[in-house]
């Protein structure tokens, strides 16, 4: 039997990170109909929450775990309310021991517990929501996505979100050239703003992770070879963005990245 009062008490503490979403999640748990607690996905979340918060954690760690659960409950609850059905394969089955769902939610909560960049928590928690409804997100793929997401900075989330949403921002004109000048590498590096160098280095690392590609088939060996207008997502990159729900990330969060990569950022003039 799920201790509803205990869950609600824990979720209330998450409002420092989640804001008003905490109230919505509480409504989904304790309100009429009990949308979340009536389903196996919600049972896994709340069981994982209680098990983890009963361990020895700092107050900040408890807050992060509660935030991850709050985001998951809110997003799953709304999808259930809209009529979506949870997956029907063996994801929630406990016939061979712990279910894949239980393993995944524990992994997500543990990763969120240690996130000093707390803006990432919302998007990491979305992995469980995606896995709850989509059969194609196998345990192996979900774990790979979780591993990559945990290791990334929030700025890399922003870069991926921008490229994922790029069709929504048709007025953005990205630089249509790379940053490489043969024989002038040292001079170019000195005149290039440090912030731009760091963003290009992030892009290069996302390329190496198999999330980004160059649409002109260029193999990127160093950040000066990047042509922003040719950047795109690989099929795995698209899957990664969908699993994290990066379509929800607002343009204000990555406007500085757009500003750096737009045409007016030309370093060869």
C-alpha atoms as a PDB file:
ATOM      1  CA  UNK A   1       0.000   0.000   0.000  1.00  0.00           C
ATOM      2  CA  UNK A   2       1.417   3.376  -1.057  1.00  0.00           C
ATOM      3  CA  UNK A   3       1.735   5.950   1.712  1.00  0.00           C
ATOM      4  CA  UNK A   4      -0.011   8.826  -0.076  1.00  0.00           C
ATOM      5  CA  UNK A   5       0.484  11.319   2.756  1.00  0.00           C
ATOM      6  CA  UNK A   6       4.225  10.653   2.812  1.00  0.00           C
ATOM      7  CA  UNK A   7       4.504  11.065  -0.943  1.00  0.00           C
ATOM      8  CA  UNK A   8       2.578  14.337  -0.893  1.00  0.00           C
ATOM      9  CA  UNK A   9       4.758  15.657   1.920  1.00  0.00           C
ATOM     10  CA  UNK A  10       7.922  14.855  -0.039  1.00  0.00           C
ATOM     11  CA  UNK A  11       6.580  16.363  -3.266  1.00  0.00           C
ATOM     12  CA  UNK A  12       5.643  19.602  -1.494  1.00  0.00           C
ATOM     13  CA  UNK A  13       9.339  20.141  -0.753  1.00  0.00           C
ATOM     14  CA  UNK A  14      10.162  20.029  -4.473  1.00  0.00           C
ATOM     15  CA  UNK A  15       8.473  23.363  -5.168  1.00  0.00           C
ATOM     16  CA  UNK A  16      11.793  25.151  -4.654  1.00  0.00           C
ATOM     17  CA  UNK A  17      12.902  23.581  -7.956  1.00  0.00           C
ATOM     18  CA  UNK A  18       9.630  22.729  -9.723  1.00  0.00           C
ATOM     19  CA  UNK A  19       7.524  25.750  -8.712  1.00  0.00           C
ATOM     20  CA  UNK A  20       3.785  25.429  -9.319  1.00  0.00           C
ATOM     21  CA  UNK A  21       4.212  22.000 -10.942  1.00  0.00           C
ATOM     22  CA  UNK A  22       4.411  20.508  -7.445  1.00  0.00           C
ATOM     23  CA  UNK A  23       0.806  21.507  -6.771  1.00  0.00           C
ATOM     24  CA  UNK A  24      -0.316  19.896 -10.021  1.00  0.00           C
ATOM     25  CA  UNK A  25       1.490  16.655  -9.194  1.00  0.00           C
ATOM     26  CA  UNK A  26      -0.121  16.535  -5.768  1.00  0.00           C
ATOM     27  CA  UNK A  27      -3.505  16.946  -7.433  1.00  0.00           C
ATOM     28  CA  UNK A  28      -2.780  14.007  -9.707  1.00  0.00           C
ATOM     29  CA  UNK A  29      -1.901  11.842  -6.702  1.00  0.00           C
ATOM     30  CA  UNK A  30      -4.408  12.885  -4.099  1.00  0.00           C
ATOM     31  CA  UNK A  31      -7.174  14.367  -6.184  1.00  0.00           C
ATOM     32  CA  UNK A  32     -10.353  12.770  -7.481  1.00  0.00           C
ATOM     33  CA  UNK A  33      -9.631   9.621  -9.418  1.00  0.00           C
ATOM     34  CA  UNK A  34      -6.010   9.345  -8.321  1.00  0.00           C
ATOM     35  CA  UNK A  35      -4.726   9.356 -11.897  1.00  0.00           C
ATOM     36  CA  UNK A  36      -1.177   8.349 -11.038  1.00  0.00           C
ATOM     37  CA  UNK A  37      -1.626   5.910  -8.197  1.00  0.00           C
ATOM     38  CA  UNK A  38      -4.147   3.957 -10.180  1.00  0.00           C
ATOM     39  CA  UNK A  39      -1.500   2.848 -12.660  1.00  0.00           C
ATOM     40  CA  UNK A  40       1.557   0.627 -12.493  1.00  0.00           C
ATOM     41  CA  UNK A  41       3.845   3.411 -13.740  1.00  0.00           C
ATOM     42  CA  UNK A  42       2.892   5.651 -10.841  1.00  0.00           C
ATOM     43  CA  UNK A  43       3.389   2.823  -8.350  1.00  0.00           C
ATOM     44  CA  UNK A  44       6.962   2.387  -9.594  1.00  0.00           C
ATOM     45  CA  UNK A  45       7.688   6.100  -9.258  1.00  0.00           C
ATOM     46  CA  UNK A  46       6.296   6.506  -5.781  1.00  0.00           C
ATOM     47  CA  UNK A  47       7.853   3.276  -4.523  1.00  0.00           C
ATOM     48  CA  UNK A  48      11.214   4.430  -5.844  1.00  0.00           C
ATOM     49  CA  UNK A  49      10.739   7.821  -4.213  1.00  0.00           C
ATOM     50  CA  UNK A  50      10.047   6.405  -0.769  1.00  0.00           C
ATOM     51  CA  UNK A  51      12.862   3.849  -0.979  1.00  0.00           C
ATOM     52  CA  UNK A  52      15.408   6.457  -1.995  1.00  0.00           C
ATOM     53  CA  UNK A  53      14.375   9.205   0.404  1.00  0.00           C
ATOM     54  CA  UNK A  54      14.449   6.713   3.276  1.00  0.00           C
ATOM     55  CA  UNK A  55      18.191   6.377   2.666  1.00  0.00           C
ATOM     56  CA  UNK A  56      20.784   8.726   4.054  1.00  0.00           C
ATOM     57  CA  UNK A  57      20.631  11.795   1.804  1.00  0.00           C
ATOM     58  CA  UNK A  58      21.426  15.452   2.303  1.00  0.00           C
ATOM     59  CA  UNK A  59      18.491  17.850   2.260  1.00  0.00           C
ATOM     60  CA  UNK A  60      19.489  19.078  -1.194  1.00  0.00           C
ATOM     61  CA  UNK A  61      19.667  15.524  -2.537  1.00  0.00           C
ATOM     62  CA  UNK A  62      16.177  14.795  -1.188  1.00  0.00           C
ATOM     63  CA  UNK A  63      14.944  17.956  -2.859  1.00  0.00           C
ATOM     64  CA  UNK A  64      16.381  16.908  -6.248  1.00  0.00           C
ATOM     65  CA  UNK A  65      14.876  13.420  -5.993  1.00  0.00           C
ATOM     66  CA  UNK A  66      11.504  14.890  -5.071  1.00  0.00           C
ATOM     67  CA  UNK A  67      11.740  17.260  -8.039  1.00  0.00           C
ATOM     68  CA  UNK A  68      12.430  14.380 -10.447  1.00  0.00           C
ATOM     69  CA  UNK A  69       9.394  12.497  -9.155  1.00  0.00           C
ATOM     70  CA  UNK A  70       7.240  15.619  -9.324  1.00  0.00           C
ATOM     71  CA  UNK A  71       8.129  16.212 -12.961  1.00  0.00           C
ATOM     72  CA  UNK A  72       7.481  12.545 -13.822  1.00  0.00           C
ATOM     73  CA  UNK A  73       4.134  12.395 -12.060  1.00  0.00           C
ATOM     74  CA  UNK A  74       3.021  15.617 -13.703  1.00  0.00           C
ATOM     75  CA  UNK A  75       3.960  14.590 -17.244  1.00  0.00           C
ATOM     76  CA  UNK A  76       2.695  11.000 -16.937  1.00  0.00           C
ATOM     77  CA  UNK A  77      -0.535  12.145 -15.324  1.00  0.00           C
ATOM     78  CA  UNK A  78      -1.325  14.589 -18.096  1.00  0.00           C
ATOM     79  CA  UNK A  79      -0.627  11.998 -20.785  1.00  0.00           C
ATOM     80  CA  UNK A  80      -2.937   9.536 -19.036  1.00  0.00           C
ATOM     81  CA  UNK A  81      -5.623  12.195 -18.718  1.00  0.00           C
ATOM     82  CA  UNK A  82      -5.381  12.859 -22.452  1.00  0.00           C
ATOM     83  CA  UNK A  83      -6.200   9.214 -23.111  1.00  0.00           C
ATOM     84  CA  UNK A  84      -2.762   7.761 -23.835  1.00  0.00           C
ATOM     85  CA  UNK A  85      -2.127   4.168 -22.799  1.00  0.00           C
ATOM     86  CA  UNK A  86       1.004   2.837 -21.088  1.00  0.00           C
ATOM     87  CA  UNK A  87       3.096   0.301 -22.977  1.00  0.00           C
ATOM     88  CA  UNK A  88       1.887  -3.274 -22.903  1.00  0.00           C
ATOM     89  CA  UNK A  89       5.117  -5.256 -23.269  1.00  0.00           C
ATOM     90  CA  UNK A  90       7.173  -6.643 -20.351  1.00  0.00           C
ATOM     91  CA  UNK A  91       8.522  -3.256 -19.228  1.00  0.00           C
ATOM     92  CA  UNK A  92       6.540  -3.366 -15.966  1.00  0.00           C
ATOM     93  CA  UNK A  93       6.707  -7.137 -15.509  1.00  0.00           C
ATOM     94  CA  UNK A  94       8.339  -8.489 -12.347  1.00  0.00           C
ATOM     95  CA  UNK A  95       8.282 -12.111 -13.486  1.00  0.00           C
ATOM     96  CA  UNK A  96      12.090 -12.273 -13.679  1.00  0.00           C
ATOM     97  CA  UNK A  97      12.815 -10.225 -10.567  1.00  0.00           C
ATOM     98  CA  UNK A  98      12.829  -6.434 -10.607  1.00  0.00           C
ATOM     99  CA  UNK A  99      11.039  -4.913 -13.562  1.00  0.00           C
ATOM    100  CA  UNK A 100      12.779  -2.772 -16.144  1.00  0.00           C
ATOM    101  CA  UNK A 101      10.568   0.101 -14.995  1.00  0.00           C
ATOM    102  CA  UNK A 102      11.794  -0.205 -11.400  1.00  0.00           C
ATOM    103  CA  UNK A 103      15.427  -0.336 -12.521  1.00  0.00           C
ATOM    104  CA  UNK A 104      15.020   2.684 -14.772  1.00  0.00           C
ATOM    105  CA  UNK A 105      13.265   4.894 -12.239  1.00  0.00           C
ATOM    106  CA  UNK A 106      15.907   4.072  -9.629  1.00  0.00           C
ATOM    107  CA  UNK A 107      18.656   4.956 -12.106  1.00  0.00           C
ATOM    108  CA  UNK A 108      16.946   8.232 -12.989  1.00  0.00           C
ATOM    109  CA  UNK A 109      16.409   9.214  -9.358  1.00  0.00           C
ATOM    110  CA  UNK A 110      20.023   8.416  -8.492  1.00  0.00           C
ATOM    111  CA  UNK A 111      21.286  10.513 -11.415  1.00  0.00           C
ATOM    112  CA  UNK A 112      18.999  13.396 -10.481  1.00  0.00           C
ATOM    113  CA  UNK A 113      20.098  13.175  -6.850  1.00  0.00           C
ATOM    114  CA  UNK A 114      23.614  14.215  -7.881  1.00  0.00           C
ATOM    115  CA  UNK A 115      22.722  16.923 -10.407  1.00  0.00           C
ATOM    116  CA  UNK A 116      24.267  20.228  -9.352  1.00  0.00           C
ATOM    117  CA  UNK A 117      22.836  21.722 -12.556  1.00  0.00           C
ATOM    118  CA  UNK A 118      19.281  21.352 -11.332  1.00  0.00           C
ATOM    119  CA  UNK A 119      17.703  22.569 -14.583  1.00  0.00           C
ATOM    120  CA  UNK A 120      18.657  19.181 -16.036  1.00  0.00           C
ATOM    121  CA  UNK A 121      16.393  17.288 -13.623  1.00  0.00           C
ATOM    122  CA  UNK A 122      13.189  18.004 -15.536  1.00  0.00           C
ATOM    123  CA  UNK A 123      14.608  16.618 -18.776  1.00  0.00           C
ATOM    124  CA  UNK A 124      16.300  13.579 -17.243  1.00  0.00           C
ATOM    125  CA  UNK A 125      13.036  12.672 -15.507  1.00  0.00           C
ATOM    126  CA  UNK A 126      11.275  12.800 -18.887  1.00  0.00           C
ATOM    127  CA  UNK A 127      13.133   9.630 -19.879  1.00  0.00           C
ATOM    128  CA  UNK A 128      10.884   7.622 -17.562  1.00  0.00           C
ATOM    129  CA  UNK A 129       7.776   9.294 -18.954  1.00  0.00           C
ATOM    130  CA  UNK A 130       8.834   8.451 -22.500  1.00  0.00           C
ATOM    131  CA  UNK A 131       9.642   4.855 -21.531  1.00  0.00           C
ATOM    132  CA  UNK A 132       6.250   4.479 -19.834  1.00  0.00           C
ATOM    133  CA  UNK A 133       4.374   5.009 -23.095  1.00  0.00           C
ATOM    134  CA  UNK A 134       6.716   4.087 -25.951  1.00  0.00           C
ATOM    135  CA  UNK A 135       7.578   0.449 -26.629  1.00  0.00           C
ATOM    136  CA  UNK A 136      10.515   1.269 -28.888  1.00  0.00           C
ATOM    137  CA  UNK A 137      12.444   2.780 -25.958  1.00  0.00           C
ATOM    138  CA  UNK A 138      14.013  -0.460 -24.768  1.00  0.00           C
ATOM    139  CA  UNK A 139      15.859  -0.748 -21.477  1.00  0.00           C
ATOM    140  CA  UNK A 140      19.192  -0.753 -23.315  1.00  0.00           C
ATOM    141  CA  UNK A 141      18.388   2.424 -25.235  1.00  0.00           C
ATOM    142  CA  UNK A 142      16.930   4.134 -22.165  1.00  0.00           C
ATOM    143  CA  UNK A 143      20.062   3.349 -20.152  1.00  0.00           C
ATOM    144  CA  UNK A 144      22.306   4.682 -22.916  1.00  0.00           C
ATOM    145  CA  UNK A 145      20.292   7.894 -23.096  1.00  0.00           C
ATOM    146  CA  UNK A 146      20.355   8.234 -19.310  1.00  0.00           C
ATOM    147  CA  UNK A 147      24.124   7.702 -19.213  1.00  0.00           C
ATOM    148  CA  UNK A 148      24.737  10.377 -21.842  1.00  0.00           C
ATOM    149  CA  UNK A 149      22.261  12.829 -20.317  1.00  0.00           C
ATOM    150  CA  UNK A 150      23.806  12.530 -16.868  1.00  0.00           C
ATOM    151  CA  UNK A 151      27.295  13.210 -18.221  1.00  0.00           C
ATOM    152  CA  UNK A 152      26.330  16.320 -20.216  1.00  0.00           C
ATOM    153  CA  UNK A 153      26.270  19.936 -19.181  1.00  0.00           C
ATOM    154  CA  UNK A 154      23.033  21.895 -19.377  1.00  0.00           C
ATOM    155  CA  UNK A 155      24.555  23.917 -22.222  1.00  0.00           C
ATOM    156  CA  UNK A 156      24.758  20.743 -24.315  1.00  0.00           C
ATOM    157  CA  UNK A 157      21.051  20.205 -23.634  1.00  0.00           C
ATOM    158  CA  UNK A 158      20.503  23.732 -24.958  1.00  0.00           C
ATOM    159  CA  UNK A 159      22.536  23.104 -28.124  1.00  0.00           C
ATOM    160  CA  UNK A 160      20.569  19.916 -28.844  1.00  0.00           C
ATOM    161  CA  UNK A 161      17.260  21.628 -28.063  1.00  0.00           C
ATOM    162  CA  UNK A 162      18.043  24.417 -30.516  1.00  0.00           C
ATOM    163  CA  UNK A 163      18.943  22.010 -33.337  1.00  0.00           C
ATOM    164  CA  UNK A 164      15.856  19.915 -32.490  1.00  0.00           C
ATOM    165  CA  UNK A 165      13.613  22.986 -32.663  1.00  0.00           C
ATOM    166  CA  UNK A 166      15.415  24.805 -35.482  1.00  0.00           C
ATOM    167  CA  UNK A 167      12.421  24.651 -37.837  1.00  0.00           C
ATOM    168  CA  UNK A 168      10.476  26.634 -35.247  1.00  0.00           C
ATOM    169  CA  UNK A 169      12.926  29.542 -35.568  1.00  0.00           C
ATOM    170  CA  UNK A 170      12.920  30.258 -39.310  1.00  0.00           C
ATOM    171  CA  UNK A 171      14.261  33.786 -38.830  1.00  0.00           C
ATOM    172  CA  UNK A 172      17.587  32.427 -37.561  1.00  0.00           C
ATOM    173  CA  UNK A 173      20.382  32.570 -40.162  1.00  0.00           C
ATOM    174  CA  UNK A 174      23.319  30.454 -39.018  1.00  0.00           C
ATOM    175  CA  UNK A 175      26.847  31.076 -40.210  1.00  0.00           C
ATOM    176  CA  UNK A 176      27.387  29.229 -43.522  1.00  0.00           C
ATOM    177  CA  UNK A 177      31.109  28.587 -43.230  1.00  0.00           C
ATOM    178  CA  UNK A 178      33.546  26.866 -40.924  1.00  0.00           C
ATOM    179  CA  UNK A 179      36.059  28.602 -38.652  1.00  0.00           C
ATOM    180  CA  UNK A 180      39.192  27.121 -40.163  1.00  0.00           C
ATOM    181  CA  UNK A 181      41.868  29.264 -41.824  1.00  0.00           C
ATOM    182  CA  UNK A 182      44.848  27.207 -42.958  1.00  0.00           C
ATOM    183  CA  UNK A 183      48.072  28.410 -41.388  1.00  0.00           C
ATOM    184  CA  UNK A 184      46.283  30.866 -39.129  1.00  0.00           C
ATOM    185  CA  UNK A 185      44.969  28.559 -36.409  1.00  0.00           C
ATOM    186  CA  UNK A 186      46.724  30.276 -33.508  1.00  0.00           C
ATOM    187  CA  UNK A 187      45.661  33.729 -34.620  1.00  0.00           C
ATOM    188  CA  UNK A 188      42.096  32.584 -35.186  1.00  0.00           C
ATOM    189  CA  UNK A 189      41.887  30.990 -31.730  1.00  0.00           C
ATOM    190  CA  UNK A 190      43.088  34.207 -30.123  1.00  0.00           C
ATOM    191  CA  UNK A 191      40.514  36.402 -31.860  1.00  0.00           C
ATOM    192  CA  UNK A 192      37.613  33.981 -31.367  1.00  0.00           C
ATOM    193  CA  UNK A 193      35.597  34.745 -28.198  1.00  0.00           C
ATOM    194  CA  UNK A 194      36.141  32.133 -25.502  1.00  0.00           C
ATOM    195  CA  UNK A 195      32.391  31.544 -25.157  1.00  0.00           C
ATOM    196  CA  UNK A 196      32.182  30.661 -28.870  1.00  0.00           C
ATOM    197  CA  UNK A 197      35.164  28.311 -28.568  1.00  0.00           C
ATOM    198  CA  UNK A 198      33.468  26.492 -25.694  1.00  0.00           C
ATOM    199  CA  UNK A 199      30.176  26.130 -27.578  1.00  0.00           C
ATOM    200  CA  UNK A 200      32.004  24.772 -30.630  1.00  0.00           C
ATOM    201  CA  UNK A 201      33.898  22.338 -28.395  1.00  0.00           C
ATOM    202  CA  UNK A 202      30.565  21.173 -26.953  1.00  0.00           C
ATOM    203  CA  UNK A 203      29.253  20.646 -30.489  1.00  0.00           C
ATOM    204  CA  UNK A 204      32.348  18.615 -31.370  1.00  0.00           C
ATOM    205  CA  UNK A 205      31.806  16.387 -28.317  1.00  0.00           C
ATOM    206  CA  UNK A 206      28.128  15.897 -29.236  1.00  0.00           C
ATOM    207  CA  UNK A 207      29.305  14.905 -32.712  1.00  0.00           C
ATOM    208  CA  UNK A 208      31.672  12.344 -31.163  1.00  0.00           C
ATOM    209  CA  UNK A 209      28.815  10.985 -29.021  1.00  0.00           C
ATOM    210  CA  UNK A 210      26.819  10.138 -32.132  1.00  0.00           C
ATOM    211  CA  UNK A 211      24.113  12.732 -31.490  1.00  0.00           C
ATOM    212  CA  UNK A 212      25.073  15.307 -34.119  1.00  0.00           C
ATOM    213  CA  UNK A 213      26.176  15.073 -37.720  1.00  0.00           C
ATOM    214  CA  UNK A 214      27.391  17.405 -40.427  1.00  0.00           C
ATOM    215  CA  UNK A 215      24.856  17.374 -43.253  1.00  0.00           C
ATOM    216  CA  UNK A 216      27.632  17.814 -45.831  1.00  0.00           C
ATOM    217  CA  UNK A 217      29.238  14.582 -44.523  1.00  0.00           C
ATOM    218  CA  UNK A 218      32.302  16.384 -43.171  1.00  0.00           C
ATOM    219  CA  UNK A 219      34.117  14.404 -40.488  1.00  0.00           C
ATOM    220  CA  UNK A 220      34.701  16.917 -37.726  1.00  0.00           C
ATOM    221  CA  UNK A 221      38.155  16.491 -36.233  1.00  0.00           C
ATOM    222  CA  UNK A 222      38.422  19.859 -34.466  1.00  0.00           C
ATOM    223  CA  UNK A 223      36.010  22.632 -33.583  1.00  0.00           C
ATOM    224  CA  UNK A 224      37.284  25.048 -36.274  1.00  0.00           C
ATOM    225  CA  UNK A 225      35.928  22.645 -38.930  1.00  0.00           C
ATOM    226  CA  UNK A 226      32.331  23.138 -37.751  1.00  0.00           C
ATOM    227  CA  UNK A 227      29.956  24.847 -40.181  1.00  0.00           C
ATOM    228  CA  UNK A 228      26.895  25.806 -38.075  1.00  0.00           C
ATOM    229  CA  UNK A 229      24.504  25.848 -41.059  1.00  0.00           C
ATOM    230  CA  UNK A 230      25.373  22.199 -41.826  1.00  0.00           C
ATOM    231  CA  UNK A 231      24.720  20.859 -38.314  1.00  0.00           C
ATOM    232  CA  UNK A 232      21.962  18.318 -37.842  1.00  0.00           C
ATOM    233  CA  UNK A 233      20.782  15.570 -35.525  1.00  0.00           C
ATOM    234  CA  UNK A 234      21.463  11.901 -36.166  1.00  0.00           C
ATOM    235  CA  UNK A 235      18.573   9.439 -35.825  1.00  0.00           C
ATOM    236  CA  UNK A 236      19.859   8.640 -32.335  1.00  0.00           C
ATOM    237  CA  UNK A 237      20.135  12.358 -31.626  1.00  0.00           C
ATOM    238  CA  UNK A 238      16.461  12.804 -32.502  1.00  0.00           C
ATOM    239  CA  UNK A 239      15.542   9.863 -30.265  1.00  0.00           C
ATOM    240  CA  UNK A 240      17.632  11.384 -27.455  1.00  0.00           C
ATOM    241  CA  UNK A 241      15.899  14.770 -27.762  1.00  0.00           C
ATOM    242  CA  UNK A 242      12.454  13.150 -27.829  1.00  0.00           C
ATOM    243  CA  UNK A 243      13.235  11.039 -24.755  1.00  0.00           C
ATOM    244  CA  UNK A 244      14.323  14.111 -22.806  1.00  0.00           C
ATOM    245  CA  UNK A 245      11.458  16.237 -24.093  1.00  0.00           C
ATOM    246  CA  UNK A 246      13.836  18.948 -25.315  1.00  0.00           C
ATOM    247  CA  UNK A 247      11.024  20.461 -27.377  1.00  0.00           C
ATOM    248  CA  UNK A 248       9.898  21.908 -24.034  1.00  0.00           C
ATOM    249  CA  UNK A 249      13.111  23.911 -23.589  1.00  0.00           C
ATOM    250  CA  UNK A 250      12.311  27.581 -24.270  1.00  0.00           C
ATOM    251  CA  UNK A 251      14.286  29.676 -26.752  1.00  0.00           C
ATOM    252  CA  UNK A 252      15.326  32.019 -23.940  1.00  0.00           C
ATOM    253  CA  UNK A 253      17.464  29.190 -22.576  1.00  0.00           C
ATOM    254  CA  UNK A 254      19.535  28.898 -25.744  1.00  0.00           C
ATOM    255  CA  UNK A 255      19.281  32.347 -27.320  1.00  0.00           C
ATOM    256  CA  UNK A 256      22.914  33.101 -26.451  1.00  0.00           C
ATOM    257  CA  UNK A 257      23.964  30.008 -28.428  1.00  0.00           C
ATOM    258  CA  UNK A 258      21.978  31.196 -31.458  1.00  0.00           C
ATOM    259  CA  UNK A 259      23.605  34.607 -31.103  1.00  0.00           C
ATOM    260  CA  UNK A 260      27.081  33.055 -31.187  1.00  0.00           C
ATOM    261  CA  UNK A 261      26.386  30.845 -34.217  1.00  0.00           C
ATOM    262  CA  UNK A 262      24.496  33.356 -36.360  1.00  0.00           C
ATOM    263  CA  UNK A 263      25.994  34.862 -39.513  1.00  0.00           C
ATOM    264  CA  UNK A 264      27.152  38.008 -37.759  1.00  0.00           C
ATOM    265  CA  UNK A 265      29.542  35.850 -35.712  1.00  0.00           C
ATOM    266  CA  UNK A 266      31.830  35.437 -38.782  1.00  0.00           C
ATOM    267  CA  UNK A 267      35.455  35.216 -37.587  1.00  0.00           C
ATOM    268  CA  UNK A 268      37.033  35.339 -41.056  1.00  0.00           C
ATOM    269  CA  UNK A 269      36.243  38.954 -41.824  1.00  0.00           C
END
